[in-house]
Amino acid sequence: MTVQTVDEIKNNPKYQELVRKRSRFAWMLTILMLLVYYAFIMTIAFKPELLAVPIADGSVISIGIPIGIAIILFSFAITGLYVYRANNVYDVMLDEIKAELGAKNV
């Protein structure tokens, strides 16, 4: 790929929009995951008794176990959300950019 082609791609408004949208969405999901995770860790550190409550009378499983599992499932869900959006939004935008640049270079 030539320097001219790289510059052409970087200066393309659709490419800049793609980078902006993808970056913003990725940061939003990252912050969301960090908030959920650190809220759980801070609860463990400062209010462990909240997570030590048994699920039912006589149960040896505390509420902290399902909450921990929910956090893991949440991370899988937001990963799936990112993959879905990447495949259905960002890849479409990228294909449009490639088609536009391919038509100019032919």
Protein backbone atom coordinates (compact mmCIF):
# COMPACT_ATOMS: atom_id res chain seq x y z
CA MET A 1 0.00 0.00 0.00
CA THR A 2 1.44 3.34 -0.98
CA VAL A 3 1.70 6.39 1.26
CA GLN A 4 -0.74 8.15 -1.05
CA THR A 5 -3.31 5.38 -0.59
CA VAL A 6 -2.91 5.46 3.19
CA ASP A 7 -3.36 9.24 3.20
CA GLU A 8 -6.41 8.91 0.97
CA ILE A 9 -7.96 6.41 3.39
CA LYS A 10 -7.16 8.51 6.47
CA ASN A 11 -8.61 11.65 4.88
CA ASN A 12 -11.81 9.91 3.78
CA PRO A 13 -14.73 11.32 5.83
CA LYS A 14 -16.42 7.91 5.95
CA TYR A 15 -13.26 6.36 7.38
CA GLN A 16 -12.99 9.09 10.00
CA GLU A 17 -16.64 8.51 10.93
CA LEU A 18 -15.99 4.76 11.18
CA VAL A 19 -13.02 5.27 13.50
CA ARG A 20 -14.95 7.77 15.63
CA LYS A 21 -18.03 5.53 15.98
CA ARG A 22 -16.06 2.36 16.67
CA SER A 23 -13.81 4.06 19.19
CA ARG A 24 -16.69 5.73 21.02
CA PHE A 25 -18.65 2.48 21.26
CA ALA A 26 -15.62 0.51 22.44
CA TRP A 27 -14.84 3.07 25.14
CA MET A 28 -18.47 3.09 26.26
CA LEU A 29 -18.47 -0.69 26.68
CA THR A 30 -15.10 -0.60 28.42
CA ILE A 31 -16.26 1.99 30.93
CA LEU A 32 -19.49 0.07 31.52
CA MET A 33 -17.57 -3.15 32.21
CA LEU A 34 -15.13 -1.38 34.51
CA LEU A 35 -17.97 0.20 36.48
CA VAL A 36 -19.70 -3.15 36.97
CA TYR A 37 -16.49 -4.97 37.88
CA TYR A 38 -15.16 -2.33 40.26
CA ALA A 39 -18.54 -1.93 41.95
CA PHE A 40 -18.40 -5.66 42.70
CA ILE A 41 -14.79 -5.46 43.93
CA MET A 42 -15.52 -2.39 46.08
CA THR A 43 -18.51 -4.18 47.58
CA ILE A 44 -16.27 -7.13 48.44
CA ALA A 45 -13.71 -4.76 49.97
CA PHE A 46 -15.96 -2.44 51.95
CA LYS A 47 -19.31 -4.20 52.47
CA PRO A 48 -18.67 -7.95 52.20
CA GLU A 49 -21.65 -8.68 54.41
CA LEU A 50 -23.94 -7.61 51.55
CA LEU A 51 -22.62 -10.42 49.41
CA ALA A 52 -22.54 -12.93 52.27
CA VAL A 53 -26.34 -13.10 52.57
CA PRO A 54 -27.51 -16.66 51.86
CA ILE A 55 -29.77 -17.19 48.87
CA ALA A 56 -32.30 -19.08 50.98
CA ASP A 57 -32.64 -20.21 54.60
CA GLY A 58 -30.12 -22.95 55.28
CA SER A 59 -28.36 -22.42 51.95
CA VAL A 60 -24.58 -22.50 51.85
CA ILE A 61 -24.53 -20.40 48.67
CA SER A 62 -24.45 -16.67 49.23
CA ILE A 63 -25.87 -13.99 46.95
CA GLY A 64 -22.30 -13.09 45.94
CA ILE A 65 -21.93 -16.25 43.84
CA PRO A 66 -24.80 -15.53 41.41
CA ILE A 67 -23.77 -11.88 41.25
CA GLY A 68 -20.22 -12.93 40.30
CA ILE A 69 -21.58 -15.30 37.67
CA ALA A 70 -23.84 -12.52 36.38
CA ILE A 71 -20.82 -10.25 35.95
CA ILE A 72 -19.06 -12.92 33.91
CA LEU A 73 -22.17 -13.41 31.77
CA PHE A 74 -22.46 -9.63 31.40
CA SER A 75 -18.92 -9.50 30.00
CA PHE A 76 -19.83 -12.20 27.46
CA ALA A 77 -22.99 -10.28 26.54
CA ILE A 78 -21.23 -6.98 25.89
CA THR A 79 -18.54 -8.82 23.91
CA GLY A 80 -21.32 -10.35 21.80
CA LEU A 81 -22.88 -6.90 21.41
CA TYR A 82 -19.58 -5.51 20.14
CA VAL A 83 -19.11 -8.41 17.71
CA TYR A 84 -22.67 -7.99 16.43
CA ARG A 85 -22.17 -4.27 15.90
CA ALA A 86 -18.77 -4.79 14.30
CA ASN A 87 -20.21 -7.30 11.83
CA ASN A 88 -23.39 -5.39 11.01
CA VAL A 89 -22.36 -1.74 11.20
CA TYR A 90 -18.61 -1.28 11.07
CA ASP A 91 -17.94 -3.92 8.43
CA VAL A 92 -20.66 -2.43 6.21
CA MET A 93 -19.07 1.00 6.57
CA LEU A 94 -15.66 -0.48 5.80
CA ASP A 95 -17.00 -2.23 2.68
CA GLU A 96 -18.43 1.10 1.47
CA ILE A 97 -15.07 2.77 1.96
CA LYS A 98 -13.27 -0.03 0.13
CA ALA A 99 -15.74 0.16 -2.77
CA GLU A 100 -15.37 3.92 -2.98
CA LEU A 101 -11.58 3.78 -2.95
CA GLY A 102 -11.50 0.81 -5.29
CA ALA A 103 -13.58 2.69 -7.84
CA LYS A 104 -11.19 5.67 -7.67
CA ASN A 105 -8.09 3.52 -8.12
CA VAL A 106 -9.40 1.62 -11.17
